[in-house]
Amino acid sequence: MKYDQIQEAVKYIRTKTSYKPQYGIILGTGLGNLTDAIDVYDEIPYKDIPHFPVSTVQSHKGKLVFGAIAGKPIVAMAGRFHYYEGYSMKQVTFPVRVLKFLGVQRLFISNAAGSTNPDFLPGDIVFVKDHINFQPENPLRGINDERLGPRFPDMLKTYDRTLIEQAKKIATEANIRFHEGVYFALQGPNLETPAEYNFIHRVGGDLVGMSTVPEVIVARHSGMTVFVASIVSNQCYPIESITETTIEEVIGVARVAEPKLRLIVKRLVMEVAV
């Protein structure tokens, strides 16, 4: 999306709220109730914001939520966008650009993902330490606008180690089962075949999903600090453990595990300085 379109969206948002967030949260499938951890000041429907896509995914509320966690200024995306919905990658990641120009410096991203690691069980929390991107389009493709970020952003330290270590400490103290893992991104919307799950496992993927990586790439391009946590929604490896999976089942597992992730994110925001 063009710089002027980003500024138009930001200008509109600022006519609806004077709140200045420093932390951003993207809420994935089945995780919309994480907004319960926020003292809400303002809400703006996506459909009202210039150039914003509108989420078509079941369980996504489709609004920006402005508020605070323990006094820390937050904006949460209650619902995200996916390439499989028919949007371009630039449309999918447009909200991340807007968050940056609203003042967000740290971006917390959540998702529900399948497990291709036999030790990662449904309901477990996984702190993403790296990713493998097999999605067919890159949100940075095309002419680069230096006002948004560099032409070739380095991805070595994409997932912030300080936040991961703090999240591990919080989870340990709260007796929450957790792992670190590599997120493997595919286009979707179909779930993967057994052969694909086997491939993902063999090349080092611990989780598989259809989101997150485009937002991470743009956040990195924008200079934001990134933290990603996944809830394991279903087990996809070993192959003999695979069962047919419905979106209702994925949402159900995510909602049961959501309070654990809510606690971790809330504590992270409380304890980590901007």
C-alpha atoms as a PDB file:
ATOM      1  CA  MET A   1       0.000   0.000   0.000  1.00  0.00           C
ATOM      2  CA  LYS A   2       1.163   3.524  -0.698  1.00  0.00           C
ATOM      3  CA  TYR A   3       2.524   5.902   1.934  1.00  0.00           C
ATOM      4  CA  ASP A   4      -0.328   8.370   1.311  1.00  0.00           C
ATOM      5  CA  GLN A   5      -2.929   5.646   1.944  1.00  0.00           C
ATOM      6  CA  ILE A   6      -1.272   4.767   5.248  1.00  0.00           C
ATOM      7  CA  GLN A   7      -1.327   8.418   6.274  1.00  0.00           C
ATOM      8  CA  GLU A   8      -4.983   8.730   5.272  1.00  0.00           C
ATOM      9  CA  ALA A   9      -5.890   5.784   7.515  1.00  0.00           C
ATOM     10  CA  VAL A  10      -3.838   7.202  10.392  1.00  0.00           C
ATOM     11  CA  LYS A  11      -5.447  10.627   9.968  1.00  0.00           C
ATOM     12  CA  TYR A  12      -8.929   9.101  10.118  1.00  0.00           C
ATOM     13  CA  ILE A  13      -8.095   7.061  13.237  1.00  0.00           C
ATOM     14  CA  ARG A  14      -6.805  10.181  14.965  1.00  0.00           C
ATOM     15  CA  THR A  15     -10.158  11.870  14.382  1.00  0.00           C
ATOM     16  CA  LYS A  16     -11.769   9.042  16.375  1.00  0.00           C
ATOM     17  CA  THR A  17      -9.279   8.704  19.222  1.00  0.00           C
ATOM     18  CA  SER A  18      -6.504  10.780  20.742  1.00  0.00           C
ATOM     19  CA  TYR A  19      -4.963   7.681  22.292  1.00  0.00           C
ATOM     20  CA  LYS A  20      -1.284   7.093  21.464  1.00  0.00           C
ATOM     21  CA  PRO A  21      -0.372   3.398  21.693  1.00  0.00           C
ATOM     22  CA  GLN A  22       3.183   2.130  22.125  1.00  0.00           C
ATOM     23  CA  TYR A  23       2.328  -1.576  22.052  1.00  0.00           C
ATOM     24  CA  GLY A  24       0.402  -3.419  19.346  1.00  0.00           C
ATOM     25  CA  ILE A  25      -1.305  -6.810  19.599  1.00  0.00           C
ATOM     26  CA  ILE A  26      -2.616  -8.887  16.678  1.00  0.00           C
ATOM     27  CA  LEU A  27      -5.222 -11.437  17.786  1.00  0.00           C
ATOM     28  CA  GLY A  28      -5.509 -14.612  15.729  1.00  0.00           C
ATOM     29  CA  THR A  29      -8.083 -17.368  15.249  1.00  0.00           C
ATOM     30  CA  GLY A  30     -10.090 -18.052  18.399  1.00  0.00           C
ATOM     31  CA  LEU A  31      -8.093 -15.521  20.407  1.00  0.00           C
ATOM     32  CA  GLY A  32     -10.368 -12.480  20.191  1.00  0.00           C
ATOM     33  CA  ASN A  33     -11.186 -12.598  23.908  1.00  0.00           C
ATOM     34  CA  LEU A  34      -7.618 -11.556  24.699  1.00  0.00           C
ATOM     35  CA  THR A  35      -9.093  -8.067  24.567  1.00  0.00           C
ATOM     36  CA  ASP A  36     -10.538  -8.903  27.992  1.00  0.00           C
ATOM     37  CA  ALA A  37      -7.079  -8.115  29.401  1.00  0.00           C
ATOM     38  CA  ILE A  38      -7.334  -4.539  28.097  1.00  0.00           C
ATOM     39  CA  ASP A  39      -8.961  -1.546  29.764  1.00  0.00           C
ATOM     40  CA  VAL A  40     -10.750  -0.355  26.616  1.00  0.00           C
ATOM     41  CA  TYR A  41     -10.947   3.363  25.787  1.00  0.00           C
ATOM     42  CA  ASP A  42     -11.957   3.407  22.112  1.00  0.00           C
ATOM     43  CA  GLU A  43     -12.971   0.949  19.374  1.00  0.00           C
ATOM     44  CA  ILE A  44     -12.957   1.554  15.620  1.00  0.00           C
ATOM     45  CA  PRO A  45     -14.466  -0.965  13.152  1.00  0.00           C
ATOM     46  CA  TYR A  46     -12.152  -1.919  10.301  1.00  0.00           C
ATOM     47  CA  LYS A  47     -14.890  -1.145   7.801  1.00  0.00           C
ATOM     48  CA  ASP A  48     -14.751   2.542   8.763  1.00  0.00           C
ATOM     49  CA  ILE A  49     -10.986   2.967   8.294  1.00  0.00           C
ATOM     50  CA  PRO A  50      -9.827   4.087   4.820  1.00  0.00           C
ATOM     51  CA  HIS A  51      -8.065   1.325   2.837  1.00  0.00           C
ATOM     52  CA  PHE A  52      -8.442  -1.250   5.634  1.00  0.00           C
ATOM     53  CA  PRO A  53      -9.483  -4.747   4.552  1.00  0.00           C
ATOM     54  CA  VAL A  54     -12.433  -6.372   6.323  1.00  0.00           C
ATOM     55  CA  SER A  55     -11.853  -9.789   7.872  1.00  0.00           C
ATOM     56  CA  THR A  56     -13.996 -12.626   6.490  1.00  0.00           C
ATOM     57  CA  VAL A  57     -12.780 -15.228   8.973  1.00  0.00           C
ATOM     58  CA  GLN A  58     -15.078 -16.829  11.528  1.00  0.00           C
ATOM     59  CA  SER A  59     -14.256 -15.689  15.119  1.00  0.00           C
ATOM     60  CA  HIS A  60     -12.502 -12.462  14.028  1.00  0.00           C
ATOM     61  CA  LYS A  61     -14.270  -9.384  15.417  1.00  0.00           C
ATOM     62  CA  GLY A  62     -12.901  -6.873  12.902  1.00  0.00           C
ATOM     63  CA  LYS A  63     -12.010  -3.769  14.885  1.00  0.00           C
ATOM     64  CA  LEU A  64      -9.141  -1.786  16.381  1.00  0.00           C
ATOM     65  CA  VAL A  65      -9.292  -1.686  20.158  1.00  0.00           C
ATOM     66  CA  PHE A  66      -7.478   1.121  21.987  1.00  0.00           C
ATOM     67  CA  GLY A  67      -6.790   0.870  25.693  1.00  0.00           C
ATOM     68  CA  ALA A  68      -4.282  -0.034  28.361  1.00  0.00           C
ATOM     69  CA  ILE A  69      -2.781  -3.005  30.140  1.00  0.00           C
ATOM     70  CA  ALA A  70      -1.512  -2.009  33.597  1.00  0.00           C
ATOM     71  CA  GLY A  71      -1.400   1.574  32.347  1.00  0.00           C
ATOM     72  CA  LYS A  72       0.646   0.721  29.237  1.00  0.00           C
ATOM     73  CA  PRO A  73      -0.916   2.160  26.041  1.00  0.00           C
ATOM     74  CA  ILE A  74      -2.131  -0.602  23.696  1.00  0.00           C
ATOM     75  CA  VAL A  75      -3.845  -0.977  20.353  1.00  0.00           C
ATOM     76  CA  ALA A  76      -5.157  -4.437  19.521  1.00  0.00           C
ATOM     77  CA  MET A  77      -6.255  -5.786  16.171  1.00  0.00           C
ATOM     78  CA  ALA A  78      -9.274  -7.932  17.049  1.00  0.00           C
ATOM     79  CA  GLY A  79      -9.052  -9.994  13.882  1.00  0.00           C
ATOM     80  CA  ARG A  80      -6.405 -10.193  11.179  1.00  0.00           C
ATOM     81  CA  PHE A  81      -6.282 -10.688   7.422  1.00  0.00           C
ATOM     82  CA  HIS A  82      -4.988 -13.599   5.363  1.00  0.00           C
ATOM     83  CA  TYR A  83      -3.672 -14.033   1.847  1.00  0.00           C
ATOM     84  CA  TYR A  84      -6.142 -16.901   1.321  1.00  0.00           C
ATOM     85  CA  GLU A  85      -9.057 -14.493   1.764  1.00  0.00           C
ATOM     86  CA  GLY A  86      -8.119 -13.023  -1.606  1.00  0.00           C
ATOM     87  CA  TYR A  87      -6.176 -10.004  -0.402  1.00  0.00           C
ATOM     88  CA  SER A  88      -2.723  -9.092  -1.664  1.00  0.00           C
ATOM     89  CA  MET A  89       0.130  -9.278   0.837  1.00  0.00           C
ATOM     90  CA  LYS A  90       0.262  -5.485   0.889  1.00  0.00           C
ATOM     91  CA  GLN A  91      -3.398  -5.415   1.929  1.00  0.00           C
ATOM     92  CA  VAL A  92      -2.824  -8.144   4.524  1.00  0.00           C
ATOM     93  CA  THR A  93      -0.038  -6.124   6.123  1.00  0.00           C
ATOM     94  CA  PHE A  94      -1.497  -2.638   5.676  1.00  0.00           C
ATOM     95  CA  PRO A  95      -2.700  -2.522   9.312  1.00  0.00           C
ATOM     96  CA  VAL A  96       0.858  -3.179  10.537  1.00  0.00           C
ATOM     97  CA  ARG A  97       2.009  -0.096   8.618  1.00  0.00           C
ATOM     98  CA  VAL A  98      -0.786   1.893  10.238  1.00  0.00           C
ATOM     99  CA  LEU A  99       0.146   0.635  13.724  1.00  0.00           C
ATOM    100  CA  LYS A 100       3.714   1.794  13.161  1.00  0.00           C
ATOM    101  CA  PHE A 101       2.613   5.330  12.262  1.00  0.00           C
ATOM    102  CA  LEU A 102       0.262   5.387  15.240  1.00  0.00           C
ATOM    103  CA  GLY A 103       3.351   5.021  17.421  1.00  0.00           C
ATOM    104  CA  VAL A 104       3.596   1.257  18.061  1.00  0.00           C
ATOM    105  CA  GLN A 105       7.137   0.166  18.885  1.00  0.00           C
ATOM    106  CA  ARG A 106       6.593  -3.410  20.070  1.00  0.00           C
ATOM    107  CA  LEU A 107       4.281  -5.809  18.240  1.00  0.00           C
ATOM    108  CA  PHE A 108       2.838  -8.911  19.926  1.00  0.00           C
ATOM    109  CA  ILE A 109       1.305 -11.421  17.501  1.00  0.00           C
ATOM    110  CA  SER A 110      -0.793 -14.480  18.329  1.00  0.00           C
ATOM    111  CA  ASN A 111      -2.099 -17.342  16.218  1.00  0.00           C
ATOM    112  CA  ALA A 112      -3.449 -20.863  16.347  1.00  0.00           C
ATOM    113  CA  ALA A 113      -1.262 -23.358  14.479  1.00  0.00           C
ATOM    114  CA  GLY A 114      -0.934 -27.058  13.753  1.00  0.00           C
ATOM    115  CA  SER A 115       1.940 -28.947  15.362  1.00  0.00           C
ATOM    116  CA  THR A 116       4.490 -30.799  13.225  1.00  0.00           C
ATOM    117  CA  ASN A 117       6.624 -31.520  16.273  1.00  0.00           C
ATOM    118  CA  PRO A 118       5.509 -34.684  18.115  1.00  0.00           C
ATOM    119  CA  ASP A 119       6.282 -33.039  21.473  1.00  0.00           C
ATOM    120  CA  PHE A 120       3.934 -30.086  20.852  1.00  0.00           C
ATOM    121  CA  LEU A 121       0.409 -31.032  21.930  1.00  0.00           C
ATOM    122  CA  PRO A 122      -2.966 -29.306  21.425  1.00  0.00           C
ATOM    123  CA  GLY A 123      -3.356 -26.455  23.912  1.00  0.00           C
ATOM    124  CA  ASP A 124       0.392 -25.938  24.361  1.00  0.00           C
ATOM    125  CA  ILE A 125       1.870 -22.450  24.025  1.00  0.00           C
ATOM    126  CA  VAL A 126       4.784 -22.036  21.608  1.00  0.00           C
ATOM    127  CA  PHE A 127       7.037 -18.984  21.500  1.00  0.00           C
ATOM    128  CA  VAL A 128       8.137 -18.575  17.897  1.00  0.00           C
ATOM    129  CA  LYS A 129      11.914 -18.184  17.533  1.00  0.00           C
ATOM    130  CA  ASP A 130      12.123 -18.279  13.722  1.00  0.00           C
ATOM    131  CA  HIS A 131      10.080 -18.995  10.618  1.00  0.00           C
ATOM    132  CA  ILE A 132      10.196 -20.661   7.206  1.00  0.00           C
ATOM    133  CA  ASN A 133       8.198 -18.784   4.602  1.00  0.00           C
ATOM    134  CA  PHE A 134       6.560 -20.843   1.834  1.00  0.00           C
ATOM    135  CA  GLN A 135       3.856 -18.308   1.041  1.00  0.00           C
ATOM    136  CA  PRO A 136       3.780 -17.349  -2.651  1.00  0.00           C
ATOM    137  CA  GLU A 137       4.048 -13.562  -2.320  1.00  0.00           C
ATOM    138  CA  ASN A 138       6.210 -11.239  -0.220  1.00  0.00           C
ATOM    139  CA  PRO A 139       4.635  -8.058   1.176  1.00  0.00           C
ATOM    140  CA  LEU A 140       7.840  -6.126   0.361  1.00  0.00           C
ATOM    141  CA  ARG A 141       7.764  -7.047  -3.325  1.00  0.00           C
ATOM    142  CA  GLY A 142       7.798  -4.040  -5.651  1.00  0.00           C
ATOM    143  CA  ILE A 143       9.250  -0.554  -5.446  1.00  0.00           C
ATOM    144  CA  ASN A 144      10.558   0.173  -1.946  1.00  0.00           C
ATOM    145  CA  ASP A 145       9.559   3.383  -0.163  1.00  0.00           C
ATOM    146  CA  GLU A 146      12.425   4.337   2.152  1.00  0.00           C
ATOM    147  CA  ARG A 147       9.945   6.189   4.389  1.00  0.00           C
ATOM    148  CA  LEU A 148       8.592   2.737   5.338  1.00  0.00           C
ATOM    149  CA  GLY A 149      11.851   0.821   5.685  1.00  0.00           C
ATOM    150  CA  PRO A 150      15.003  -0.411   3.912  1.00  0.00           C
ATOM    151  CA  ARG A 151      15.038  -2.252   0.596  1.00  0.00           C
ATOM    152  CA  PHE A 152      16.617  -5.391   2.083  1.00  0.00           C
ATOM    153  CA  PRO A 153      15.706  -5.765   5.778  1.00  0.00           C
ATOM    154  CA  ASP A 154      17.872  -8.233   7.678  1.00  0.00           C
ATOM    155  CA  MET A 155      15.949 -11.085   9.326  1.00  0.00           C
ATOM    156  CA  LEU A 156      18.638 -12.454  11.664  1.00  0.00           C
ATOM    157  CA  LYS A 157      17.138 -11.114  14.898  1.00  0.00           C
ATOM    158  CA  THR A 158      13.503 -10.986  13.832  1.00  0.00           C
ATOM    159  CA  TYR A 159      12.052 -12.603  16.960  1.00  0.00           C
ATOM    160  CA  ASP A 160      13.155 -10.688  20.041  1.00  0.00           C
ATOM    161  CA  ARG A 161      15.165 -12.904  22.407  1.00  0.00           C
ATOM    162  CA  THR A 162      14.582 -10.653  25.417  1.00  0.00           C
ATOM    163  CA  LEU A 163      10.809 -10.984  25.073  1.00  0.00           C
ATOM    164  CA  ILE A 164      11.041 -14.748  24.483  1.00  0.00           C
ATOM    165  CA  GLU A 165      13.160 -15.263  27.598  1.00  0.00           C
ATOM    166  CA  GLN A 166      10.797 -13.117  29.671  1.00  0.00           C
ATOM    167  CA  ALA A 167       7.790 -15.042  28.328  1.00  0.00           C
ATOM    168  CA  LYS A 168       9.462 -18.345  29.243  1.00  0.00           C
ATOM    169  CA  LYS A 169      10.045 -17.063  32.771  1.00  0.00           C
ATOM    170  CA  ILE A 170       6.404 -15.962  33.085  1.00  0.00           C
ATOM    171  CA  ALA A 171       5.123 -19.300  31.761  1.00  0.00           C
ATOM    172  CA  THR A 172       7.372 -21.267  34.124  1.00  0.00           C
ATOM    173  CA  GLU A 173       6.202 -19.267  37.149  1.00  0.00           C
ATOM    174  CA  ALA A 174       2.564 -19.794  36.118  1.00  0.00           C
ATOM    175  CA  ASN A 175       3.099 -23.523  35.497  1.00  0.00           C
ATOM    176  CA  ILE A 176       2.080 -23.158  31.836  1.00  0.00           C
ATOM    177  CA  ARG A 177       3.385 -25.790  29.418  1.00  0.00           C
ATOM    178  CA  PHE A 178       5.399 -24.071  26.659  1.00  0.00           C
ATOM    179  CA  HIS A 179       7.976 -24.598  23.923  1.00  0.00           C
ATOM    180  CA  GLU A 180      10.097 -22.609  21.506  1.00  0.00           C
ATOM    181  CA  GLY A 181       9.605 -23.428  17.852  1.00  0.00           C
ATOM    182  CA  VAL A 182       9.858 -22.587  14.160  1.00  0.00           C
ATOM    183  CA  TYR A 183       6.691 -21.478  12.356  1.00  0.00           C
ATOM    184  CA  PHE A 184       6.217 -22.735   8.785  1.00  0.00           C
ATOM    185  CA  ALA A 185       3.941 -20.469   6.719  1.00  0.00           C
ATOM    186  CA  LEU A 186       1.801 -21.726   3.828  1.00  0.00           C
ATOM    187  CA  GLN A 187      -0.876 -20.064   1.725  1.00  0.00           C
ATOM    188  CA  GLY A 188      -3.974 -22.057   2.696  1.00  0.00           C
ATOM    189  CA  PRO A 189      -6.906 -22.178   3.092  1.00  0.00           C
ATOM    190  CA  ASN A 190      -6.842 -25.968   2.798  1.00  0.00           C
ATOM    191  CA  LEU A 191      -5.166 -27.877   5.581  1.00  0.00           C
ATOM    192  CA  GLU A 192      -2.047 -29.756   4.595  1.00  0.00           C
ATOM    193  CA  THR A 193      -1.677 -33.321   3.309  1.00  0.00           C
ATOM    194  CA  PRO A 194       0.152 -35.992   5.322  1.00  0.00           C
ATOM    195  CA  ALA A 195       3.069 -35.756   2.885  1.00  0.00           C
ATOM    196  CA  GLU A 196       3.239 -31.985   3.425  1.00  0.00           C
ATOM    197  CA  TYR A 197       3.183 -32.395   7.208  1.00  0.00           C
ATOM    198  CA  ASN A 198       6.017 -34.901   6.910  1.00  0.00           C
ATOM    199  CA  PHE A 199       7.986 -32.468   4.719  1.00  0.00           C
ATOM    200  CA  ILE A 200       7.479 -29.584   7.156  1.00  0.00           C
ATOM    201  CA  HIS A 201       8.672 -31.736  10.045  1.00  0.00           C
ATOM    202  CA  ARG A 202      11.759 -32.907   8.124  1.00  0.00           C
ATOM    203  CA  VAL A 203      12.854 -29.382   7.127  1.00  0.00           C
ATOM    204  CA  GLY A 204      12.653 -28.075  10.691  1.00  0.00           C
ATOM    205  CA  GLY A 205       9.133 -26.685  11.043  1.00  0.00           C
ATOM    206  CA  ASP A 206       7.523 -27.175  14.455  1.00  0.00           C
ATOM    207  CA  LEU A 207       4.278 -25.366  13.616  1.00  0.00           C
ATOM    208  CA  VAL A 208       2.315 -24.801  10.425  1.00  0.00           C
ATOM    209  CA  GLY A 209      -0.084 -21.974   9.736  1.00  0.00           C
ATOM    210  CA  MET A 210      -1.460 -19.521   7.183  1.00  0.00           C
ATOM    211  CA  SER A 211      -0.750 -16.155   8.800  1.00  0.00           C
ATOM    212  CA  THR A 212       1.758 -14.219  10.936  1.00  0.00           C
ATOM    213  CA  VAL A 213       4.830 -14.266   8.687  1.00  0.00           C
ATOM    214  CA  PRO A 214       3.670 -11.428   6.379  1.00  0.00           C
ATOM    215  CA  GLU A 215       2.980  -9.229   9.418  1.00  0.00           C
ATOM    216  CA  VAL A 216       6.338 -10.174  10.934  1.00  0.00           C
ATOM    217  CA  ILE A 217       8.196  -9.270   7.729  1.00  0.00           C
ATOM    218  CA  VAL A 218       6.533  -5.854   7.553  1.00  0.00           C
ATOM    219  CA  ALA A 219       7.040  -5.219  11.279  1.00  0.00           C
ATOM    220  CA  ARG A 220      10.713  -6.009  10.844  1.00  0.00           C
ATOM    221  CA  HIS A 221      10.884  -3.778   7.758  1.00  0.00           C
ATOM    222  CA  SER A 222       9.272  -1.014   9.849  1.00  0.00           C
ATOM    223  CA  GLY A 223      11.757  -1.348  12.714  1.00  0.00           C
ATOM    224  CA  MET A 224       9.349  -2.759  15.285  1.00  0.00           C
ATOM    225  CA  THR A 225      10.299  -5.272  17.948  1.00  0.00           C
ATOM    226  CA  VAL A 226       8.407  -8.550  17.397  1.00  0.00           C
ATOM    227  CA  PHE A 227       7.102 -11.261  19.719  1.00  0.00           C
ATOM    228  CA  VAL A 228       4.970 -14.163  18.442  1.00  0.00           C
ATOM    229  CA  ALA A 229       3.126 -16.810  20.452  1.00  0.00           C
ATOM    230  CA  SER A 230       1.154 -19.705  18.992  1.00  0.00           C
ATOM    231  CA  ILE A 231      -1.467 -21.955  20.533  1.00  0.00           C
ATOM    232  CA  VAL A 232      -1.203 -25.497  19.203  1.00  0.00           C
ATOM    233  CA  SER A 233      -4.637 -26.233  17.757  1.00  0.00           C
ATOM    234  CA  ASN A 234      -4.118 -29.760  16.432  1.00  0.00           C
ATOM    235  CA  GLN A 235      -1.419 -32.405  16.140  1.00  0.00           C
ATOM    236  CA  CYS A 236      -0.118 -33.039  12.605  1.00  0.00           C
ATOM    237  CA  TYR A 237       2.871 -35.275  13.321  1.00  0.00           C
ATOM    238  CA  PRO A 238       3.582 -38.168  13.557  1.00  0.00           C
ATOM    239  CA  ILE A 239       1.453 -38.967  10.544  1.00  0.00           C
ATOM    240  CA  GLU A 240      -0.505 -41.737  12.269  1.00  0.00           C
ATOM    241  CA  SER A 241      -1.747 -39.244  14.865  1.00  0.00           C
ATOM    242  CA  ILE A 242      -3.483 -37.003  12.302  1.00  0.00           C
ATOM    243  CA  THR A 243      -7.262 -36.791  12.391  1.00  0.00           C
ATOM    244  CA  GLU A 244      -9.640 -34.750  10.253  1.00  0.00           C
ATOM    245  CA  THR A 245      -9.813 -31.210  11.616  1.00  0.00           C
ATOM    246  CA  THR A 246     -12.563 -28.576  11.434  1.00  0.00           C
ATOM    247  CA  ILE A 247     -12.322 -24.827  12.040  1.00  0.00           C
ATOM    248  CA  GLU A 248     -14.743 -25.262  14.946  1.00  0.00           C
ATOM    249  CA  GLU A 249     -12.270 -27.639  16.617  1.00  0.00           C
ATOM    250  CA  VAL A 250      -9.380 -25.217  16.047  1.00  0.00           C
ATOM    251  CA  ILE A 251     -11.360 -22.335  17.562  1.00  0.00           C
ATOM    252  CA  GLY A 252     -12.433 -24.521  20.481  1.00  0.00           C
ATOM    253  CA  VAL A 253      -8.875 -25.501  21.411  1.00  0.00           C
ATOM    254  CA  ALA A 254      -7.678 -21.896  21.046  1.00  0.00           C
ATOM    255  CA  ARG A 255     -10.421 -20.573  23.320  1.00  0.00           C
ATOM    256  CA  VAL A 256      -9.673 -23.115  26.033  1.00  0.00           C
ATOM    257  CA  ALA A 257      -5.973 -22.225  25.950  1.00  0.00           C
ATOM    258  CA  GLU A 258      -6.561 -18.491  25.549  1.00  0.00           C
ATOM    259  CA  PRO A 259      -6.443 -17.582  29.280  1.00  0.00           C
ATOM    260  CA  LYS A 260      -2.878 -18.927  29.438  1.00  0.00           C
ATOM    261  CA  LEU A 261      -1.752 -16.769  26.537  1.00  0.00           C
ATOM    262  CA  ARG A 262      -3.655 -13.800  27.930  1.00  0.00           C
ATOM    263  CA  LEU A 263      -1.751 -14.087  31.214  1.00  0.00           C
ATOM    264  CA  ILE A 264       1.605 -14.260  29.403  1.00  0.00           C
ATOM    265  CA  VAL A 265       0.926 -11.290  27.125  1.00  0.00           C
ATOM    266  CA  LYS A 266      -0.453  -9.196  29.987  1.00  0.00           C
ATOM    267  CA  ARG A 267       2.597  -9.885  32.149  1.00  0.00           C
ATOM    268  CA  LEU A 268       4.951  -9.208  29.236  1.00  0.00           C
ATOM    269  CA  VAL A 269       3.424  -5.814  28.591  1.00  0.00           C
ATOM    270  CA  MET A 270       3.514  -4.994  32.309  1.00  0.00           C
ATOM    271  CA  GLU A 271       7.137  -6.020  32.804  1.00  0.00           C
ATOM    272  CA  VAL A 272       8.929  -4.963  29.609  1.00  0.00           C
ATOM    273  CA  ALA A 273       9.787  -1.307  29.066  1.00  0.00           C
ATOM    274  CA  VAL A 274       9.304   0.275  25.632  1.00  0.00           C
END
